[in-house]
Amino acid sequence: MQTVSVTIDYSNGSQKAFTTIKWSKGLTILEALQAAAATPPAIDVKFGSSRNGSVIGLHLDGVPQEDLSGEWMVWVNRRPGPSRLGTDTSFGFDPGSRAENEVDAGDHVAFKLVAAPDAG
């Protein structure tokens, strides 16, 4: 079985790692994250959708929240991921964005909570 791995890095010394997410041709970053959400110990994944269907307001295990602000950034194999995570709806609006959202067998996807810049 070919796999990808997903790591959630909470930027406080805690991480969750999912190392055996089943890979299939066309698997996207968001689909890999959703597969991790279905794999014990699981993660709680919530997000909204922009007008074109891209992911906005991503929350993993309830983070970010008021006392732990920031945003989730994604890397694939230690390289910055796409500027927007795509959904099937967003790929309908912009089919060319699907390729940058797909992962290959053996890839490692990392989500890291990055602190919001100070407003002061």
N, C-alpha and C. Protein backbone atom coordinates (compact mmCIF):
# COMPACT_ATOMS: atom_id res chain seq x y z
N MET A 1 0.85 -1.18 0.00
CA MET A 1 0.00 0.00 0.00
C MET A 1 0.89 1.24 0.00
N GLN A 2 0.61 2.17 -0.87
CA GLN A 2 1.35 3.43 -0.90
C GLN A 2 0.65 4.42 0.04
N THR A 3 1.47 5.23 0.73
CA THR A 3 0.93 6.12 1.74
C THR A 3 1.53 7.52 1.63
N VAL A 4 0.89 8.45 2.34
CA VAL A 4 1.44 9.77 2.62
C VAL A 4 1.35 9.94 4.13
N SER A 5 2.09 10.88 4.66
CA SER A 5 2.00 11.16 6.09
C SER A 5 1.55 12.60 6.30
N VAL A 6 0.88 12.81 7.42
CA VAL A 6 0.38 14.13 7.80
C VAL A 6 0.80 14.39 9.23
N THR A 7 1.43 15.53 9.47
CA THR A 7 1.80 15.94 10.82
C THR A 7 1.10 17.25 11.15
N ILE A 8 0.56 17.32 12.35
CA ILE A 8 -0.05 18.54 12.86
C ILE A 8 0.88 19.05 13.95
N ASP A 9 1.44 20.24 13.76
CA ASP A 9 2.39 20.83 14.70
C ASP A 9 1.72 22.04 15.34
N TYR A 10 1.44 21.93 16.64
CA TYR A 10 0.72 22.97 17.36
C TYR A 10 1.61 24.13 17.80
N SER A 11 2.89 24.06 17.47
CA SER A 11 3.87 25.12 17.79
C SER A 11 4.04 25.35 19.28
N ASN A 12 3.71 24.35 20.08
CA ASN A 12 3.93 24.45 21.53
C ASN A 12 4.67 23.22 22.06
N GLY A 13 5.30 22.49 21.14
CA GLY A 13 6.00 21.27 21.49
C GLY A 13 5.16 20.02 21.28
N SER A 14 3.88 20.19 20.98
CA SER A 14 2.99 19.05 20.75
C SER A 14 2.74 18.85 19.26
N GLN A 15 2.68 17.59 18.86
CA GLN A 15 2.40 17.24 17.48
C GLN A 15 1.54 15.98 17.46
N LYS A 16 0.82 15.82 16.36
CA LYS A 16 0.15 14.56 16.06
C LYS A 16 0.65 14.14 14.69
N ALA A 17 0.98 12.86 14.56
CA ALA A 17 1.50 12.36 13.29
C ALA A 17 0.65 11.18 12.82
N PHE A 18 0.34 11.20 11.55
CA PHE A 18 -0.43 10.15 10.89
C PHE A 18 0.44 9.67 9.73
N THR A 19 1.03 8.50 9.87
CA THR A 19 2.06 8.08 8.93
C THR A 19 1.58 7.10 7.87
N THR A 20 0.34 6.66 7.95
CA THR A 20 -0.12 5.66 6.99
C THR A 20 -1.45 6.06 6.34
N ILE A 21 -1.51 7.29 5.87
CA ILE A 21 -2.69 7.73 5.12
C ILE A 21 -2.62 7.09 3.73
N LYS A 22 -3.63 6.35 3.38
CA LYS A 22 -3.63 5.65 2.09
C LYS A 22 -3.61 6.66 0.94
N TRP A 23 -2.65 6.46 0.04
CA TRP A 23 -2.51 7.34 -1.13
C TRP A 23 -3.20 6.72 -2.33
N SER A 24 -3.82 7.56 -3.12
CA SER A 24 -4.33 7.16 -4.44
C SER A 24 -4.11 8.34 -5.37
N LYS A 25 -4.02 8.04 -6.64
CA LYS A 25 -3.76 9.08 -7.64
C LYS A 25 -4.82 10.17 -7.52
N GLY A 26 -4.35 11.42 -7.48
CA GLY A 26 -5.26 12.56 -7.38
C GLY A 26 -5.56 13.00 -5.96
N LEU A 27 -4.97 12.33 -4.94
CA LEU A 27 -5.22 12.71 -3.55
C LEU A 27 -4.73 14.13 -3.32
N THR A 28 -5.57 14.95 -2.69
CA THR A 28 -5.20 16.33 -2.42
C THR A 28 -4.78 16.50 -0.96
N ILE A 29 -4.16 17.63 -0.68
CA ILE A 29 -3.74 17.96 0.68
C ILE A 29 -4.94 17.92 1.62
N LEU A 30 -6.04 18.54 1.21
CA LEU A 30 -7.23 18.56 2.07
C LEU A 30 -7.78 17.16 2.29
N GLU A 31 -7.79 16.34 1.25
CA GLU A 31 -8.26 14.95 1.41
C GLU A 31 -7.36 14.16 2.35
N ALA A 32 -6.05 14.39 2.29
CA ALA A 32 -5.13 13.72 3.21
C ALA A 32 -5.41 14.17 4.65
N LEU A 33 -5.68 15.46 4.84
CA LEU A 33 -6.01 15.98 6.17
C LEU A 33 -7.31 15.36 6.66
N GLN A 34 -8.30 15.26 5.78
CA GLN A 34 -9.58 14.67 6.17
C GLN A 34 -9.43 13.17 6.48
N ALA A 35 -8.53 12.48 5.79
CA ALA A 35 -8.25 11.08 6.10
C ALA A 35 -7.61 10.97 7.48
N ALA A 36 -6.72 11.91 7.83
CA ALA A 36 -6.12 11.93 9.16
C ALA A 36 -7.19 12.14 10.22
N ALA A 37 -8.18 12.97 9.90
CA ALA A 37 -9.27 13.23 10.85
C ALA A 37 -10.08 11.97 11.14
N ALA A 38 -10.06 11.03 10.23
CA ALA A 38 -10.80 9.78 10.40
C ALA A 38 -9.94 8.65 10.96
N THR A 39 -8.68 8.95 11.28
CA THR A 39 -7.74 7.93 11.76
C THR A 39 -7.44 8.18 13.24
N PRO A 40 -7.75 7.22 14.13
CA PRO A 40 -7.45 7.42 15.55
C PRO A 40 -5.98 7.72 15.76
N PRO A 41 -5.60 8.67 16.63
CA PRO A 41 -6.41 9.38 17.60
C PRO A 41 -7.23 10.52 17.00
N ALA A 42 -7.13 10.72 15.72
CA ALA A 42 -7.95 11.68 14.98
C ALA A 42 -7.65 13.13 15.36
N ILE A 43 -8.14 13.99 14.53
CA ILE A 43 -8.10 15.43 14.76
C ILE A 43 -9.46 15.97 14.36
N ASP A 44 -9.84 17.05 14.98
CA ASP A 44 -11.09 17.72 14.62
C ASP A 44 -10.76 18.76 13.57
N VAL A 45 -11.34 18.63 12.38
CA VAL A 45 -11.06 19.53 11.27
C VAL A 45 -12.32 20.32 10.95
N LYS A 46 -12.20 21.64 11.01
CA LYS A 46 -13.30 22.52 10.65
C LYS A 46 -12.75 23.63 9.77
N PHE A 47 -13.53 24.01 8.77
CA PHE A 47 -13.14 25.11 7.90
C PHE A 47 -14.36 25.65 7.20
N GLY A 48 -14.19 26.89 6.75
CA GLY A 48 -15.22 27.51 5.92
C GLY A 48 -14.78 27.45 4.48
N SER A 49 -15.56 28.11 3.65
CA SER A 49 -15.31 28.09 2.22
C SER A 49 -15.46 29.49 1.65
N SER A 50 -14.51 29.87 0.82
CA SER A 50 -14.60 31.17 0.14
C SER A 50 -15.64 31.07 -0.97
N ARG A 51 -15.87 32.17 -1.64
CA ARG A 51 -16.86 32.18 -2.73
C ARG A 51 -16.51 31.20 -3.84
N ASN A 52 -15.22 30.96 -4.04
CA ASN A 52 -14.84 30.01 -5.09
C ASN A 52 -14.61 28.60 -4.55
N GLY A 53 -14.88 28.40 -3.26
CA GLY A 53 -14.77 27.07 -2.69
C GLY A 53 -13.45 26.75 -2.02
N SER A 54 -12.51 27.68 -1.98
CA SER A 54 -11.24 27.44 -1.30
C SER A 54 -11.44 27.43 0.21
N VAL A 55 -10.58 26.72 0.91
CA VAL A 55 -10.65 26.61 2.36
C VAL A 55 -10.29 27.95 3.00
N ILE A 56 -11.12 28.40 3.95
CA ILE A 56 -10.81 29.56 4.79
C ILE A 56 -11.14 29.20 6.24
N GLY A 57 -10.48 29.87 7.16
CA GLY A 57 -10.77 29.68 8.58
C GLY A 57 -10.52 28.26 9.06
N LEU A 58 -9.38 27.67 8.67
CA LEU A 58 -9.07 26.31 9.08
C LEU A 58 -8.80 26.24 10.58
N HIS A 59 -9.50 25.32 11.25
CA HIS A 59 -9.30 25.05 12.68
C HIS A 59 -9.03 23.56 12.83
N LEU A 60 -7.93 23.24 13.49
CA LEU A 60 -7.58 21.85 13.79
C LEU A 60 -7.60 21.67 15.30
N ASP A 61 -8.40 20.74 15.77
CA ASP A 61 -8.57 20.51 17.21
C ASP A 61 -8.95 21.79 17.95
N GLY A 62 -9.76 22.62 17.32
CA GLY A 62 -10.23 23.85 17.95
C GLY A 62 -9.23 24.99 17.93
N VAL A 63 -8.11 24.82 17.28
CA VAL A 63 -7.05 25.83 17.24
C VAL A 63 -6.98 26.37 15.82
N PRO A 64 -6.82 27.66 15.56
CA PRO A 64 -6.62 28.70 16.57
C PRO A 64 -7.90 29.04 17.32
N GLN A 65 -7.70 29.65 18.46
CA GLN A 65 -8.79 30.15 19.29
C GLN A 65 -8.31 31.43 19.94
N GLU A 66 -9.17 32.06 20.70
CA GLU A 66 -8.82 33.39 21.23
C GLU A 66 -7.52 33.40 22.02
N ASP A 67 -7.28 32.38 22.85
CA ASP A 67 -6.07 32.40 23.68
C ASP A 67 -4.86 31.80 22.97
N LEU A 68 -5.03 31.29 21.77
CA LEU A 68 -3.93 30.74 20.99
C LEU A 68 -4.19 31.10 19.53
N SER A 69 -3.85 32.34 19.18
CA SER A 69 -4.19 32.83 17.84
C SER A 69 -3.11 32.42 16.85
N GLY A 70 -3.45 32.57 15.61
CA GLY A 70 -2.53 32.25 14.54
C GLY A 70 -3.29 31.68 13.36
N GLU A 71 -2.54 31.09 12.46
CA GLU A 71 -3.18 30.43 11.33
C GLU A 71 -2.35 29.20 10.96
N TRP A 72 -3.00 28.27 10.31
CA TRP A 72 -2.34 27.04 9.90
C TRP A 72 -1.68 27.25 8.55
N MET A 73 -0.41 26.96 8.50
CA MET A 73 0.35 26.99 7.25
C MET A 73 0.64 25.54 6.88
N VAL A 74 0.75 25.29 5.58
CA VAL A 74 0.98 23.92 5.13
C VAL A 74 2.28 23.84 4.34
N TRP A 75 2.99 22.75 4.57
CA TRP A 75 4.20 22.44 3.82
C TRP A 75 4.06 21.02 3.27
N VAL A 76 4.59 20.81 2.10
CA VAL A 76 4.65 19.47 1.52
C VAL A 76 6.13 19.18 1.26
N ASN A 77 6.63 18.17 1.95
CA ASN A 77 8.05 17.81 1.83
C ASN A 77 8.96 19.01 2.13
N ARG A 78 8.65 19.73 3.19
CA ARG A 78 9.43 20.87 3.66
C ARG A 78 9.43 22.07 2.72
N ARG A 79 8.52 22.07 1.77
CA ARG A 79 8.35 23.23 0.89
C ARG A 79 6.99 23.85 1.17
N PRO A 80 6.90 25.17 1.11
CA PRO A 80 5.58 25.78 1.33
C PRO A 80 4.54 25.20 0.36
N GLY A 81 3.38 24.92 0.91
CA GLY A 81 2.28 24.40 0.10
C GLY A 81 1.62 25.51 -0.69
N PRO A 82 0.52 25.20 -1.35
CA PRO A 82 -0.17 26.21 -2.15
C PRO A 82 -0.71 27.32 -1.25
N SER A 83 -0.89 28.50 -1.83
CA SER A 83 -1.39 29.63 -1.04
C SER A 83 -2.83 29.39 -0.59
N ARG A 84 -3.57 28.56 -1.32
CA ARG A 84 -4.94 28.22 -0.94
C ARG A 84 -5.15 26.73 -1.04
N LEU A 85 -5.76 26.17 0.01
CA LEU A 85 -6.14 24.77 -0.06
C LEU A 85 -7.41 24.66 -0.88
N GLY A 86 -7.39 23.77 -1.82
CA GLY A 86 -8.52 23.61 -2.70
C GLY A 86 -9.48 22.53 -2.27
N THR A 87 -10.72 22.69 -2.70
CA THR A 87 -11.77 21.69 -2.53
C THR A 87 -12.27 21.33 -3.92
N ASP A 88 -13.09 20.31 -4.01
CA ASP A 88 -13.65 19.96 -5.32
C ASP A 88 -14.37 21.16 -5.93
N THR A 89 -15.04 21.95 -5.11
CA THR A 89 -15.74 23.14 -5.62
C THR A 89 -14.76 24.13 -6.20
N SER A 90 -13.65 24.39 -5.50
CA SER A 90 -12.68 25.37 -6.00
C SER A 90 -12.02 24.89 -7.29
N PHE A 91 -11.82 23.57 -7.41
CA PHE A 91 -11.21 23.05 -8.63
C PHE A 91 -12.16 23.20 -9.81
N GLY A 92 -13.46 23.24 -9.52
CA GLY A 92 -14.44 23.52 -10.58
C GLY A 92 -14.29 24.93 -11.11
N PHE A 93 -13.96 25.88 -10.22
CA PHE A 93 -13.74 27.27 -10.63
C PHE A 93 -12.38 27.45 -11.29
N ASP A 94 -11.38 26.73 -10.77
CA ASP A 94 -10.01 26.88 -11.26
C ASP A 94 -9.36 25.50 -11.35
N PRO A 95 -9.64 24.75 -12.43
CA PRO A 95 -9.11 23.39 -12.54
C PRO A 95 -7.59 23.31 -12.47
N GLY A 96 -6.89 24.37 -12.89
CA GLY A 96 -5.43 24.38 -12.87
C GLY A 96 -4.85 24.35 -11.47
N SER A 97 -5.64 24.73 -10.46
CA SER A 97 -5.13 24.75 -9.09
C SER A 97 -5.09 23.35 -8.47
N ARG A 98 -5.73 22.37 -9.10
CA ARG A 98 -5.75 21.02 -8.53
C ARG A 98 -4.35 20.43 -8.44
N ALA A 99 -3.55 20.59 -9.50
CA ALA A 99 -2.21 19.98 -9.53
C ALA A 99 -1.36 20.44 -8.35
N GLU A 100 -1.41 21.72 -7.98
CA GLU A 100 -0.59 22.20 -6.86
C GLU A 100 -1.12 21.73 -5.52
N ASN A 101 -2.33 21.20 -5.48
CA ASN A 101 -2.93 20.69 -4.25
C ASN A 101 -2.81 19.18 -4.12
N GLU A 102 -2.34 18.49 -5.16
CA GLU A 102 -2.22 17.04 -5.11
C GLU A 102 -0.91 16.62 -4.45
N VAL A 103 -0.95 15.46 -3.81
CA VAL A 103 0.25 14.90 -3.19
C VAL A 103 0.59 13.58 -3.88
N ASP A 104 1.85 13.22 -3.80
CA ASP A 104 2.33 11.97 -4.38
C ASP A 104 2.57 10.95 -3.27
N ALA A 105 2.61 9.70 -3.65
CA ALA A 105 2.92 8.64 -2.69
C ALA A 105 4.27 8.96 -2.04
N GLY A 106 4.34 8.80 -0.72
CA GLY A 106 5.56 9.06 0.01
C GLY A 106 5.70 10.49 0.50
N ASP A 107 4.83 11.39 0.07
CA ASP A 107 4.91 12.79 0.50
C ASP A 107 4.60 12.94 1.98
N HIS A 108 5.17 13.98 2.56
CA HIS A 108 4.89 14.34 3.95
C HIS A 108 4.25 15.72 3.96
N VAL A 109 3.03 15.80 4.49
CA VAL A 109 2.30 17.06 4.59
C VAL A 109 2.35 17.51 6.04
N ALA A 110 2.78 18.74 6.26
CA ALA A 110 2.86 19.27 7.62
C ALA A 110 2.00 20.52 7.74
N PHE A 111 1.16 20.54 8.76
CA PHE A 111 0.38 21.73 9.10
C PHE A 111 0.99 22.28 10.37
N LYS A 112 1.37 23.54 10.35
CA LYS A 112 2.00 24.16 11.51
C LYS A 112 1.25 25.43 11.87
N LEU A 113 0.94 25.57 13.13
CA LEU A 113 0.29 26.78 13.61
C LEU A 113 1.33 27.89 13.68
N VAL A 114 1.10 28.95 12.94
CA VAL A 114 2.02 30.07 12.87
C VAL A 114 1.34 31.25 13.58
N ALA A 115 2.07 31.84 14.53
CA ALA A 115 1.51 32.93 15.31
C ALA A 115 1.12 34.11 14.44
N ALA A 116 0.03 34.72 14.78
CA ALA A 116 -0.42 35.92 14.07
C ALA A 116 0.55 37.05 14.41
N PRO A 117 0.85 37.93 13.45
CA PRO A 117 1.74 39.05 13.73
C PRO A 117 1.08 39.99 14.74
N ASP A 118 1.94 40.57 15.59
CA ASP A 118 1.44 41.54 16.57
C ASP A 118 0.82 42.74 15.88
N ALA A 119 -0.30 43.19 16.43
CA ALA A 119 -0.97 44.36 15.84
C ALA A 119 -0.36 45.65 16.37
N GLY A 120 0.55 45.55 17.33
CA GLY A 120 1.10 46.74 17.96
C GLY A 120 2.24 47.26 17.27
